Amino acid sequence: MTKLITDLDIPCSQTDRAVALGFFDGVHLGHQALMAALREVAEKNNLLPSVYTFQQAPGSLFQKNFAGLLETASDRYRSLSELGAAEIIAQPLVPEVLECDPQYFMEEIIRKRLRAKALVVGRDYTFGYKAAGTVDDLRAFTERHGIALKVVGDYVWQGQVLSSTLIRQMISRGEVKVANTLMYHDFHHIAKVSKGKQLGRRLDFPTINLKPDPQLVSLAYGVYLSKVNFTREGESLELPAISSVGVRPTVTDSGVELSETYILADSFPLYGDEVRVTYLDFMRPEIKFPSIAAMKEQVMSDIAEARERHDRAQVLKLVTYGRRPVG
């Protein structure tokens, strides 16, 4: 089981570590390559595979128009754990950390506190006050102290260097299908089902309504092919669905962002149930309709398309695994 350390003071370890450094938002393919390098160097040198990261995104403090995160902290930690981190040290971004001198970070944190015998970083990793520390500084330091340093090169996707920033841009444009292929987990919202105004129920389309986490990057407003996961009486359920994300301009002018999801199955989560809504593909942008009747007609068309696409995906899955659907 992965140990999570969130205290400001890192407890001194009696175990030598291999440490991956970074924030890892979205744990995309580039991060996964870095974690593979961590597992390799840790196993080769009999070291504890550890990750040193932060609880908050540095960009959220230093970028005026930070778009938001790709996942919650708990999702990020779970991804890193599944990728082999035996220990995750996630420090809060408080002044003591933000104003840390690069030399102090290398000497006191990396060498003394973490007892790092190997480091794994990306090519553009920076650290310390105003990100003054560079990979070149790490290289000189590790050579001086006999610490192994593995610098993982850029992961290039379709001619572009893959980054969390690039994936955030994709999601904000509605390109969630592509973004999902680049991350460890598909983009999703997790929340408890709350009781809304039940307009969907009155229109014969009862929905579960979630307020997206304000810390996460905003999806482009529109209709998405989706799926819903929740637990009922100890059983994990995954149901096909269709979701509408936006401010509902036809029925309200509140400007409050909401995710409304219609499940294409008989089972349904209850009020208070925690659900995960995963967005699979963009279908169409949000529209302000001239009337409720026009909106209902379009919703019926959207649902029919979503059913067809989910059914087609299920058939493809069955064929892929060497099975044929009955009938």
C-alpha atoms as a PDB file:
ATOM      1  CA  MET A   1       0.000   0.000   0.000  1.00  0.00           C
ATOM      2  CA  THR A   2       1.353   3.406  -0.980  1.00  0.00           C
ATOM      3  CA  LYS A   3       2.277   5.679   1.903  1.00  0.00           C
ATOM      4  CA  LEU A   4       1.111   9.299   1.545  1.00  0.00           C
ATOM      5  CA  ILE A   5       2.994  12.031   3.430  1.00  0.00           C
ATOM      6  CA  THR A   6       1.349  15.463   3.407  1.00  0.00           C
ATOM      7  CA  ASP A   7       3.121  17.146   6.324  1.00  0.00           C
ATOM      8  CA  LEU A   8       5.310  20.181   5.766  1.00  0.00           C
ATOM      9  CA  ASP A   9       8.176  18.441   7.563  1.00  0.00           C
ATOM     10  CA  ILE A  10       9.287  15.327   5.732  1.00  0.00           C
ATOM     11  CA  PRO A  11      10.105  12.644   8.286  1.00  0.00           C
ATOM     12  CA  CYS A  12      13.671  11.400   7.999  1.00  0.00           C
ATOM     13  CA  SER A  13      13.712   7.971   6.436  1.00  0.00           C
ATOM     14  CA  GLN A  14      15.989   5.074   7.218  1.00  0.00           C
ATOM     15  CA  THR A  15      15.382   3.805   3.683  1.00  0.00           C
ATOM     16  CA  ASP A  16      17.280   4.974   0.612  1.00  0.00           C
ATOM     17  CA  ARG A  17      14.960   6.242  -2.080  1.00  0.00           C
ATOM     18  CA  ALA A  18      14.691   6.647  -5.829  1.00  0.00           C
ATOM     19  CA  VAL A  19      12.651   9.836  -6.225  1.00  0.00           C
ATOM     20  CA  ALA A  20      10.630  11.177  -9.150  1.00  0.00           C
ATOM     21  CA  LEU A  21      10.147  14.948  -9.021  1.00  0.00           C
ATOM     22  CA  GLY A  22       7.215  16.814 -10.559  1.00  0.00           C
ATOM     23  CA  PHE A  23       3.557  17.766 -10.228  1.00  0.00           C
ATOM     24  CA  PHE A  24       2.141  15.111 -12.608  1.00  0.00           C
ATOM     25  CA  ASP A  25      -1.248  16.709 -13.349  1.00  0.00           C
ATOM     26  CA  GLY A  26      -3.272  14.252 -15.420  1.00  0.00           C
ATOM     27  CA  VAL A  27      -0.455  11.691 -15.211  1.00  0.00           C
ATOM     28  CA  HIS A  28      -0.206  11.776 -19.002  1.00  0.00           C
ATOM     29  CA  LEU A  29       1.927   9.571 -21.245  1.00  0.00           C
ATOM     30  CA  GLY A  30       5.024  11.668 -20.584  1.00  0.00           C
ATOM     31  CA  HIS A  31       4.541  11.267 -16.835  1.00  0.00           C
ATOM     32  CA  GLN A  32       3.969   7.555 -17.318  1.00  0.00           C
ATOM     33  CA  ALA A  33       7.329   7.270 -19.105  1.00  0.00           C
ATOM     34  CA  LEU A  34       8.927   9.026 -16.146  1.00  0.00           C
ATOM     35  CA  MET A  35       7.271   6.631 -13.704  1.00  0.00           C
ATOM     36  CA  ALA A  36       8.493   3.673 -15.754  1.00  0.00           C
ATOM     37  CA  ALA A  37      12.033   5.045 -15.431  1.00  0.00           C
ATOM     38  CA  LEU A  38      11.492   5.390 -11.663  1.00  0.00           C
ATOM     39  CA  ARG A  39      10.418   1.753 -11.327  1.00  0.00           C
ATOM     40  CA  GLU A  40      13.408   0.603 -13.361  1.00  0.00           C
ATOM     41  CA  VAL A  41      16.044   2.537 -11.416  1.00  0.00           C
ATOM     42  CA  ALA A  42      14.462   1.631  -8.060  1.00  0.00           C
ATOM     43  CA  GLU A  43      14.382  -2.078  -8.840  1.00  0.00           C
ATOM     44  CA  LYS A  44      17.888  -2.079 -10.272  1.00  0.00           C
ATOM     45  CA  ASN A  45      19.372  -0.386  -7.202  1.00  0.00           C
ATOM     46  CA  ASN A  46      17.068  -1.830  -4.513  1.00  0.00           C
ATOM     47  CA  LEU A  47      15.631   1.595  -3.653  1.00  0.00           C
ATOM     48  CA  LEU A  48      12.185   2.685  -2.474  1.00  0.00           C
ATOM     49  CA  PRO A  49      10.300   4.171  -5.470  1.00  0.00           C
ATOM     50  CA  SER A  50       8.994   7.534  -4.255  1.00  0.00           C
ATOM     51  CA  VAL A  51       7.390  10.653  -5.712  1.00  0.00           C
ATOM     52  CA  TYR A  52       8.019  14.157  -4.396  1.00  0.00           C
ATOM     53  CA  THR A  53       5.256  16.535  -5.451  1.00  0.00           C
ATOM     54  CA  PHE A  54       2.993  19.348  -4.216  1.00  0.00           C
ATOM     55  CA  GLN A  55      -0.582  19.379  -2.993  1.00  0.00           C
ATOM     56  CA  GLN A  56      -1.467  22.430  -5.095  1.00  0.00           C
ATOM     57  CA  ALA A  57      -0.471  23.222  -8.674  1.00  0.00           C
ATOM     58  CA  PRO A  58       2.310  25.830  -8.794  1.00  0.00           C
ATOM     59  CA  GLY A  59       0.603  27.281 -11.858  1.00  0.00           C
ATOM     60  CA  SER A  60      -2.508  28.077  -9.817  1.00  0.00           C
ATOM     61  CA  LEU A  61      -0.407  30.540  -7.802  1.00  0.00           C
ATOM     62  CA  PHE A  62       1.819  32.033 -10.462  1.00  0.00           C
ATOM     63  CA  GLN A  63      -0.303  32.066 -13.631  1.00  0.00           C
ATOM     64  CA  LYS A  64      -2.937  34.800 -13.886  1.00  0.00           C
ATOM     65  CA  ASN A  65      -5.200  32.723 -16.140  1.00  0.00           C
ATOM     66  CA  PHE A  66      -4.544  29.224 -14.855  1.00  0.00           C
ATOM     67  CA  ALA A  67      -7.118  27.020 -16.603  1.00  0.00           C
ATOM     68  CA  GLY A  68      -7.544  24.501 -13.791  1.00  0.00           C
ATOM     69  CA  LEU A  69      -6.454  20.969 -13.007  1.00  0.00           C
ATOM     70  CA  LEU A  70      -7.009  17.790 -14.995  1.00  0.00           C
ATOM     71  CA  GLU A  71      -7.838  15.759 -11.893  1.00  0.00           C
ATOM     72  CA  THR A  72      -8.215  16.027  -8.144  1.00  0.00           C
ATOM     73  CA  ALA A  73      -5.279  15.447  -5.818  1.00  0.00           C
ATOM     74  CA  SER A  74      -6.702  12.099  -4.682  1.00  0.00           C
ATOM     75  CA  ASP A  75      -7.021  10.923  -8.296  1.00  0.00           C
ATOM     76  CA  ARG A  76      -3.456  12.017  -9.000  1.00  0.00           C
ATOM     77  CA  TYR A  77      -2.119  10.164  -5.978  1.00  0.00           C
ATOM     78  CA  ARG A  78      -4.060   7.046  -6.938  1.00  0.00           C
ATOM     79  CA  SER A  79      -2.643   7.134 -10.469  1.00  0.00           C
ATOM     80  CA  LEU A  80       0.919   7.491  -9.196  1.00  0.00           C
ATOM     81  CA  SER A  81       0.334   4.650  -6.752  1.00  0.00           C
ATOM     82  CA  GLU A  82      -0.953   2.376  -9.519  1.00  0.00           C
ATOM     83  CA  LEU A  83       2.122   3.249 -11.567  1.00  0.00           C
ATOM     84  CA  GLY A  84       4.446   1.980  -8.863  1.00  0.00           C
ATOM     85  CA  ALA A  85       5.026   4.734  -6.294  1.00  0.00           C
ATOM     86  CA  ALA A  86       5.499   3.076  -2.904  1.00  0.00           C
ATOM     87  CA  GLU A  87       5.566   6.493  -1.253  1.00  0.00           C
ATOM     88  CA  ILE A  88       4.194   9.909  -2.226  1.00  0.00           C
ATOM     89  CA  ILE A  89       5.468  13.020  -0.466  1.00  0.00           C
ATOM     90  CA  ALA A  90       2.996  15.828  -1.267  1.00  0.00           C
ATOM     91  CA  GLN A  91       3.965  19.074   0.400  1.00  0.00           C
ATOM     92  CA  PRO A  92       1.684  22.102   0.751  1.00  0.00           C
ATOM     93  CA  LEU A  93       2.698  25.200  -1.202  1.00  0.00           C
ATOM     94  CA  VAL A  94       3.345  27.437   1.791  1.00  0.00           C
ATOM     95  CA  PRO A  95       5.998  30.216   2.003  1.00  0.00           C
ATOM     96  CA  GLU A  96       8.567  27.854   3.507  1.00  0.00           C
ATOM     97  CA  VAL A  97       8.324  25.764   0.340  1.00  0.00           C
ATOM     98  CA  LEU A  98       7.734  28.520  -2.211  1.00  0.00           C
ATOM     99  CA  GLU A  99      10.699  30.560  -0.985  1.00  0.00           C
ATOM    100  CA  CYS A 100      13.031  27.591  -0.681  1.00  0.00           C
ATOM    101  CA  ASP A 101      16.506  28.288  -2.074  1.00  0.00           C
ATOM    102  CA  PRO A 102      17.462  25.763  -4.824  1.00  0.00           C
ATOM    103  CA  GLN A 103      20.669  24.843  -3.010  1.00  0.00           C
ATOM    104  CA  TYR A 104      18.772  24.262   0.234  1.00  0.00           C
ATOM    105  CA  PHE A 105      16.252  22.086  -1.624  1.00  0.00           C
ATOM    106  CA  MET A 106      18.990  19.888  -3.067  1.00  0.00           C
ATOM    107  CA  GLU A 107      21.015  19.605   0.110  1.00  0.00           C
ATOM    108  CA  GLU A 108      18.368  19.496   2.832  1.00  0.00           C
ATOM    109  CA  ILE A 109      15.378  17.948   1.064  1.00  0.00           C
ATOM    110  CA  ILE A 110      16.821  15.675  -1.592  1.00  0.00           C
ATOM    111  CA  ARG A 111      20.005  14.475   0.087  1.00  0.00           C
ATOM    112  CA  LYS A 112      19.243  14.606   3.812  1.00  0.00           C
ATOM    113  CA  ARG A 113      15.496  14.269   4.265  1.00  0.00           C
ATOM    114  CA  LEU A 114      14.657  12.065   1.284  1.00  0.00           C
ATOM    115  CA  ARG A 115      17.954  10.186   1.351  1.00  0.00           C
ATOM    116  CA  ALA A 116      17.701  10.061  -2.432  1.00  0.00           C
ATOM    117  CA  LYS A 117      20.222   7.786  -4.111  1.00  0.00           C
ATOM    118  CA  ALA A 118      18.589   8.263  -7.503  1.00  0.00           C
ATOM    119  CA  LEU A 119      16.485  11.043  -9.056  1.00  0.00           C
ATOM    120  CA  VAL A 120      14.154  10.896 -12.050  1.00  0.00           C
ATOM    121  CA  VAL A 121      13.025  14.176 -13.667  1.00  0.00           C
ATOM    122  CA  GLY A 122      11.694  15.542 -16.921  1.00  0.00           C
ATOM    123  CA  ARG A 123      13.955  17.554 -19.208  1.00  0.00           C
ATOM    124  CA  ASP A 124      12.406  20.895 -18.239  1.00  0.00           C
ATOM    125  CA  TYR A 125      12.086  20.314 -14.475  1.00  0.00           C
ATOM    126  CA  THR A 126      12.671  23.409 -12.329  1.00  0.00           C
ATOM    127  CA  PHE A 127      12.610  23.908  -8.566  1.00  0.00           C
ATOM    128  CA  GLY A 128      13.218  26.361  -5.744  1.00  0.00           C
ATOM    129  CA  TYR A 129      12.386  30.047  -5.381  1.00  0.00           C
ATOM    130  CA  LYS A 130      11.076  31.500  -8.654  1.00  0.00           C
ATOM    131  CA  ALA A 131      11.924  28.158 -10.309  1.00  0.00           C
ATOM    132  CA  ALA A 132      15.580  29.184 -10.310  1.00  0.00           C
ATOM    133  CA  GLY A 133      16.901  25.624 -10.010  1.00  0.00           C
ATOM    134  CA  THR A 134      17.382  23.674 -13.247  1.00  0.00           C
ATOM    135  CA  VAL A 135      18.268  20.182 -14.401  1.00  0.00           C
ATOM    136  CA  ASP A 136      21.836  21.393 -14.923  1.00  0.00           C
ATOM    137  CA  ASP A 137      21.977  22.335 -11.236  1.00  0.00           C
ATOM    138  CA  LEU A 138      20.685  18.882 -10.315  1.00  0.00           C
ATOM    139  CA  ARG A 139      23.243  17.239 -12.574  1.00  0.00           C
ATOM    140  CA  ALA A 140      26.152  19.062 -10.933  1.00  0.00           C
ATOM    141  CA  PHE A 141      24.777  18.334  -7.453  1.00  0.00           C
ATOM    142  CA  THR A 142      24.121  14.631  -8.062  1.00  0.00           C
ATOM    143  CA  GLU A 143      27.545  14.110  -9.615  1.00  0.00           C
ATOM    144  CA  ARG A 144      29.150  15.726  -6.571  1.00  0.00           C
ATOM    145  CA  HIS A 145      27.268  13.493  -4.129  1.00  0.00           C
ATOM    146  CA  GLY A 146      27.166  10.224  -6.051  1.00  0.00           C
ATOM    147  CA  ILE A 147      23.420  10.334  -6.697  1.00  0.00           C
ATOM    148  CA  ALA A 148      22.170   8.767  -9.932  1.00  0.00           C
ATOM    149  CA  LEU A 149      20.205  11.154 -12.176  1.00  0.00           C
ATOM    150  CA  LYS A 150      17.847  10.003 -14.928  1.00  0.00           C
ATOM    151  CA  VAL A 151      16.520  12.780 -17.180  1.00  0.00           C
ATOM    152  CA  VAL A 152      13.526  11.619 -19.209  1.00  0.00           C
ATOM    153  CA  GLY A 153      13.137  13.333 -22.576  1.00  0.00           C
ATOM    154  CA  ASP A 154       9.984  14.997 -23.918  1.00  0.00           C
ATOM    155  CA  TYR A 155       7.089  12.825 -25.020  1.00  0.00           C
ATOM    156  CA  VAL A 156       6.171  14.036 -28.483  1.00  0.00           C
ATOM    157  CA  TRP A 157       2.592  13.582 -29.692  1.00  0.00           C
ATOM    158  CA  GLN A 158       1.720  14.513 -33.276  1.00  0.00           C
ATOM    159  CA  GLY A 159       4.705  16.826 -33.487  1.00  0.00           C
ATOM    160  CA  GLN A 160       3.976  18.596 -30.200  1.00  0.00           C
ATOM    161  CA  VAL A 161       5.620  18.188 -26.817  1.00  0.00           C
ATOM    162  CA  LEU A 162       2.986  16.587 -24.614  1.00  0.00           C
ATOM    163  CA  SER A 163       2.207  18.593 -21.472  1.00  0.00           C
ATOM    164  CA  SER A 164      -0.582  19.057 -18.960  1.00  0.00           C
ATOM    165  CA  THR A 165      -1.128  22.526 -20.424  1.00  0.00           C
ATOM    166  CA  LEU A 166      -1.724  21.068 -23.890  1.00  0.00           C
ATOM    167  CA  ILE A 167      -4.293  18.602 -22.526  1.00  0.00           C
ATOM    168  CA  ARG A 168      -6.082  21.368 -20.614  1.00  0.00           C
ATOM    169  CA  GLN A 169      -6.413  23.276 -23.882  1.00  0.00           C
ATOM    170  CA  MET A 170      -7.888  20.203 -25.551  1.00  0.00           C
ATOM    171  CA  ILE A 171     -10.505  19.756 -22.832  1.00  0.00           C
ATOM    172  CA  SER A 172     -11.472  23.417 -22.914  1.00  0.00           C
ATOM    173  CA  ARG A 173     -12.090  22.994 -26.661  1.00  0.00           C
ATOM    174  CA  GLY A 174     -14.166  19.843 -26.165  1.00  0.00           C
ATOM    175  CA  GLU A 175     -11.489  17.491 -27.498  1.00  0.00           C
ATOM    176  CA  VAL A 176     -11.992  15.151 -24.564  1.00  0.00           C
ATOM    177  CA  LYS A 177     -11.789  11.941 -26.609  1.00  0.00           C
ATOM    178  CA  VAL A 178      -8.225  12.719 -27.648  1.00  0.00           C
ATOM    179  CA  ALA A 179      -7.320  14.067 -24.195  1.00  0.00           C
ATOM    180  CA  ASN A 180      -8.471  10.808 -22.607  1.00  0.00           C
ATOM    181  CA  THR A 181      -6.059   8.778 -24.738  1.00  0.00           C
ATOM    182  CA  LEU A 182      -3.168  10.855 -23.384  1.00  0.00           C
ATOM    183  CA  MET A 183      -3.980  10.619 -19.658  1.00  0.00           C
ATOM    184  CA  TYR A 184      -3.855   7.744 -17.193  1.00  0.00           C
ATOM    185  CA  HIS A 185      -7.525   8.186 -16.300  1.00  0.00           C
ATOM    186  CA  ASP A 186     -10.282   9.633 -18.491  1.00  0.00           C
ATOM    187  CA  PHE A 187     -11.486  13.128 -17.584  1.00  0.00           C
ATOM    188  CA  HIS A 188     -14.347  12.946 -15.103  1.00  0.00           C
ATOM    189  CA  HIS A 189     -16.292  14.672 -12.347  1.00  0.00           C
ATOM    190  CA  ILE A 190     -16.996  13.051  -8.978  1.00  0.00           C
ATOM    191  CA  ALA A 191     -19.748  14.338  -6.724  1.00  0.00           C
ATOM    192  CA  LYS A 192     -22.797  13.309  -4.764  1.00  0.00           C
ATOM    193  CA  VAL A 193     -26.104  13.370  -6.579  1.00  0.00           C
ATOM    194  CA  SER A 194     -28.105  16.399  -5.490  1.00  0.00           C
ATOM    195  CA  LYS A 195     -31.759  17.236  -6.003  1.00  0.00           C
ATOM    196  CA  GLY A 196     -32.264  19.935  -8.610  1.00  0.00           C
ATOM    197  CA  LYS A 197     -35.366  21.638 -10.014  1.00  0.00           C
ATOM    198  CA  GLN A 198     -36.341  18.347 -11.714  1.00  0.00           C
ATOM    199  CA  LEU A 199     -36.971  20.033 -15.062  1.00  0.00           C
ATOM    200  CA  GLY A 200     -35.537  16.998 -16.850  1.00  0.00           C
ATOM    201  CA  ARG A 201     -38.019  14.731 -15.063  1.00  0.00           C
ATOM    202  CA  ARG A 202     -40.909  16.944 -16.187  1.00  0.00           C
ATOM    203  CA  LEU A 203     -39.592  16.666 -19.752  1.00  0.00           C
ATOM    204  CA  ASP A 204     -39.368  12.842 -19.452  1.00  0.00           C
ATOM    205  CA  PHE A 205     -35.560  12.953 -19.272  1.00  0.00           C
ATOM    206  CA  PRO A 206     -34.644  12.631 -15.564  1.00  0.00           C
ATOM    207  CA  THR A 207     -31.024  13.583 -15.002  1.00  0.00           C
ATOM    208  CA  ILE A 208     -28.447  13.478 -12.249  1.00  0.00           C
ATOM    209  CA  ASN A 209     -27.063  16.942 -11.644  1.00  0.00           C
ATOM    210  CA  LEU A 210     -23.499  17.661 -10.558  1.00  0.00           C
ATOM    211  CA  LYS A 211     -21.677  20.902  -9.968  1.00  0.00           C
ATOM    212  CA  PRO A 212     -18.215  20.499 -11.540  1.00  0.00           C
ATOM    213  CA  ASP A 213     -15.282  20.891  -9.180  1.00  0.00           C
ATOM    214  CA  PRO A 214     -14.160  24.542  -9.591  1.00  0.00           C
ATOM    215  CA  GLN A 215     -10.530  23.437  -9.253  1.00  0.00           C
ATOM    216  CA  LEU A 216     -10.767  21.413 -12.467  1.00  0.00           C
ATOM    217  CA  VAL A 217     -10.406  22.724 -15.998  1.00  0.00           C
ATOM    218  CA  SER A 218     -13.775  23.602 -17.541  1.00  0.00           C
ATOM    219  CA  LEU A 219     -15.102  21.464 -20.354  1.00  0.00           C
ATOM    220  CA  ALA A 220     -16.315  23.216 -23.471  1.00  0.00           C
ATOM    221  CA  TYR A 221     -20.040  23.741 -23.010  1.00  0.00           C
ATOM    222  CA  GLY A 222     -22.026  21.150 -24.907  1.00  0.00           C
ATOM    223  CA  VAL A 223     -23.359  17.607 -25.038  1.00  0.00           C
ATOM    224  CA  TYR A 224     -21.069  14.636 -24.401  1.00  0.00           C
ATOM    225  CA  LEU A 225     -21.193  10.898 -24.750  1.00  0.00           C
ATOM    226  CA  SER A 226     -20.494   9.730 -21.200  1.00  0.00           C
ATOM    227  CA  LYS A 227     -20.651   6.923 -18.669  1.00  0.00           C
ATOM    228  CA  VAL A 228     -21.582   6.821 -14.988  1.00  0.00           C
ATOM    229  CA  ASN A 229     -19.943   4.734 -12.267  1.00  0.00           C
ATOM    230  CA  PHE A 230     -21.327   4.256  -8.776  1.00  0.00           C
ATOM    231  CA  THR A 231     -21.644   1.580  -6.109  1.00  0.00           C
ATOM    232  CA  ARG A 232     -24.936  -0.005  -5.060  1.00  0.00           C
ATOM    233  CA  GLU A 233     -25.026  -2.522  -2.198  1.00  0.00           C
ATOM    234  CA  GLY A 234     -21.339  -3.263  -2.609  1.00  0.00           C
ATOM    235  CA  GLU A 235     -21.578  -3.767  -6.380  1.00  0.00           C
ATOM    236  CA  SER A 236     -19.727  -1.455  -8.770  1.00  0.00           C
ATOM    237  CA  LEU A 237     -21.929  -0.373 -11.659  1.00  0.00           C
ATOM    238  CA  GLU A 238     -20.960   1.287 -14.955  1.00  0.00           C
ATOM    239  CA  LEU A 239     -23.803   2.627 -17.053  1.00  0.00           C
ATOM    240  CA  PRO A 240     -23.949   4.279 -20.508  1.00  0.00           C
ATOM    241  CA  ALA A 241     -25.048   7.898 -20.431  1.00  0.00           C
ATOM    242  CA  ILE A 242     -25.220  11.260 -22.159  1.00  0.00           C
ATOM    243  CA  SER A 243     -24.259  14.512 -20.412  1.00  0.00           C
ATOM    244  CA  SER A 244     -24.902  18.185 -20.982  1.00  0.00           C
ATOM    245  CA  VAL A 245     -22.350  20.605 -19.548  1.00  0.00           C
ATOM    246  CA  GLY A 246     -23.044  24.329 -19.460  1.00  0.00           C
ATOM    247  CA  VAL A 247     -25.308  27.037 -18.113  1.00  0.00           C
ATOM    248  CA  ARG A 248     -28.651  25.876 -19.627  1.00  0.00           C
ATOM    249  CA  PRO A 249     -29.371  29.109 -21.555  1.00  0.00           C
ATOM    250  CA  THR A 250     -32.811  27.919 -22.720  1.00  0.00           C
ATOM    251  CA  VAL A 251     -34.240  27.387 -19.227  1.00  0.00           C
ATOM    252  CA  THR A 252     -32.225  29.687 -16.947  1.00  0.00           C
ATOM    253  CA  ASP A 253     -30.090  32.809 -17.022  1.00  0.00           C
ATOM    254  CA  SER A 254     -28.235  32.131 -13.758  1.00  0.00           C
ATOM    255  CA  GLY A 255     -24.888  31.543 -15.477  1.00  0.00           C
ATOM    256  CA  VAL A 256     -24.140  28.698 -13.034  1.00  0.00           C
ATOM    257  CA  GLU A 257     -22.216  25.834 -14.656  1.00  0.00           C
ATOM    258  CA  LEU A 258     -23.847  22.443 -14.247  1.00  0.00           C
ATOM    259  CA  SER A 259     -23.363  18.919 -15.551  1.00  0.00           C
ATOM    260  CA  GLU A 260     -26.650  17.105 -16.241  1.00  0.00           C
ATOM    261  CA  THR A 261     -26.438  13.410 -17.051  1.00  0.00           C
ATOM    262  CA  TYR A 262     -29.140  11.149 -18.440  1.00  0.00           C
ATOM    263  CA  ILE A 263     -28.467   7.437 -17.907  1.00  0.00           C
ATOM    264  CA  LEU A 264     -29.347   5.144 -20.797  1.00  0.00           C
ATOM    265  CA  ALA A 265     -30.223   2.184 -18.555  1.00  0.00           C
ATOM    266  CA  ASP A 266     -32.801   1.059 -16.003  1.00  0.00           C
ATOM    267  CA  SER A 267     -30.515   1.396 -12.973  1.00  0.00           C
ATOM    268  CA  PHE A 268     -30.136   4.841 -11.488  1.00  0.00           C
ATOM    269  CA  PRO A 269     -28.111   6.342  -8.615  1.00  0.00           C
ATOM    270  CA  LEU A 270     -30.041   7.827  -5.716  1.00  0.00           C
ATOM    271  CA  TYR A 271     -29.807  11.232  -4.080  1.00  0.00           C
ATOM    272  CA  GLY A 272     -26.721  11.241  -1.906  1.00  0.00           C
ATOM    273  CA  ASP A 273     -24.937   8.532  -3.909  1.00  0.00           C
ATOM    274  CA  GLU A 274     -21.412   9.412  -4.998  1.00  0.00           C
ATOM    275  CA  VAL A 275     -21.043   9.039  -8.751  1.00  0.00           C
ATOM    276  CA  ARG A 276     -18.273   9.474 -11.272  1.00  0.00           C
ATOM    277  CA  VAL A 277     -19.327  10.927 -14.608  1.00  0.00           C
ATOM    278  CA  THR A 278     -16.716  10.272 -17.287  1.00  0.00           C
ATOM    279  CA  TYR A 279     -16.852  12.295 -20.504  1.00  0.00           C
ATOM    280  CA  LEU A 280     -16.035  10.144 -23.533  1.00  0.00           C
ATOM    281  CA  ASP A 281     -16.603  12.301 -26.610  1.00  0.00           C
ATOM    282  CA  PHE A 282     -18.001  15.687 -27.642  1.00  0.00           C
ATOM    283  CA  MET A 283     -21.286  15.492 -29.570  1.00  0.00           C
ATOM    284  CA  ARG A 284     -22.407  19.090 -30.127  1.00  0.00           C
ATOM    285  CA  PRO A 285     -22.063  22.575 -28.590  1.00  0.00           C
ATOM    286  CA  GLU A 286     -24.555  24.056 -26.133  1.00  0.00           C
ATOM    287  CA  ILE A 287     -27.433  25.834 -27.888  1.00  0.00           C
ATOM    288  CA  LYS A 288     -30.042  28.346 -26.787  1.00  0.00           C
ATOM    289  CA  PHE A 289     -33.272  27.028 -28.257  1.00  0.00           C
ATOM    290  CA  PRO A 290     -36.243  29.195 -29.256  1.00  0.00           C
ATOM    291  CA  SER A 291     -38.585  27.084 -27.129  1.00  0.00           C
ATOM    292  CA  ILE A 292     -38.722  24.191 -24.676  1.00  0.00           C
ATOM    293  CA  ALA A 293     -40.396  22.086 -27.391  1.00  0.00           C
ATOM    294  CA  ALA A 294     -37.471  22.671 -29.761  1.00  0.00           C
ATOM    295  CA  MET A 295     -35.031  21.765 -27.007  1.00  0.00           C
ATOM    296  CA  LYS A 296     -36.919  18.534 -26.219  1.00  0.00           C
ATOM    297  CA  GLU A 297     -36.849  17.528 -29.880  1.00  0.00           C
ATOM    298  CA  GLN A 298     -33.082  17.996 -30.040  1.00  0.00           C
ATOM    299  CA  VAL A 299     -32.568  16.141 -26.755  1.00  0.00           C
ATOM    300  CA  MET A 300     -34.489  13.157 -28.135  1.00  0.00           C
ATOM    301  CA  SER A 301     -32.209  13.165 -31.185  1.00  0.00           C
ATOM    302  CA  ASP A 302     -29.104  13.410 -28.973  1.00  0.00           C
ATOM    303  CA  ILE A 303     -30.252  10.477 -26.848  1.00  0.00           C
ATOM    304  CA  ALA A 304     -30.928   8.326 -29.923  1.00  0.00           C
ATOM    305  CA  GLU A 305     -27.431   9.084 -31.239  1.00  0.00           C
ATOM    306  CA  ALA A 306     -25.868   8.340 -27.845  1.00  0.00           C
ATOM    307  CA  ARG A 307     -27.667   4.982 -27.604  1.00  0.00           C
ATOM    308  CA  GLU A 308     -26.442   4.015 -31.064  1.00  0.00           C
ATOM    309  CA  ARG A 309     -22.851   4.988 -30.278  1.00  0.00           C
ATOM    310  CA  HIS A 310     -22.829   3.148 -26.960  1.00  0.00           C
ATOM    311  CA  ASP A 311     -24.325   0.046 -28.603  1.00  0.00           C
ATOM    312  CA  ARG A 312     -21.745   0.199 -31.390  1.00  0.00           C
ATOM    313  CA  ALA A 313     -18.934   0.508 -28.847  1.00  0.00           C
ATOM    314  CA  GLN A 314     -20.259  -2.511 -26.924  1.00  0.00           C
ATOM    315  CA  VAL A 315     -20.398  -4.636 -30.074  1.00  0.00           C
ATOM    316  CA  LEU A 316     -16.847  -3.593 -30.935  1.00  0.00           C
ATOM    317  CA  LYS A 317     -15.717  -4.569 -27.426  1.00  0.00           C
ATOM    318  CA  LEU A 318     -17.328  -8.001 -27.745  1.00  0.00           C
ATOM    319  CA  VAL A 319     -15.756  -8.630 -31.148  1.00  0.00           C
ATOM    320  CA  THR A 320     -12.359  -7.428 -29.915  1.00  0.00           C
ATOM    321  CA  TYR A 321     -12.420 -10.021 -27.143  1.00  0.00           C
ATOM    322  CA  GLY A 322     -13.361 -12.777 -29.553  1.00  0.00           C
ATOM    323  CA  ARG A 323     -17.041 -12.944 -28.628  1.00  0.00           C
ATOM    324  CA  ARG A 324     -20.130 -12.358 -30.727  1.00  0.00           C
ATOM    325  CA  PRO A 325     -23.294 -10.664 -29.492  1.00  0.00           C
ATOM    326  CA  VAL A 326     -26.303 -12.956 -29.331  1.00  0.00           C
ATOM    327  CA  GLY A 327     -29.214 -12.233 -31.661  1.00  0.00           C
END
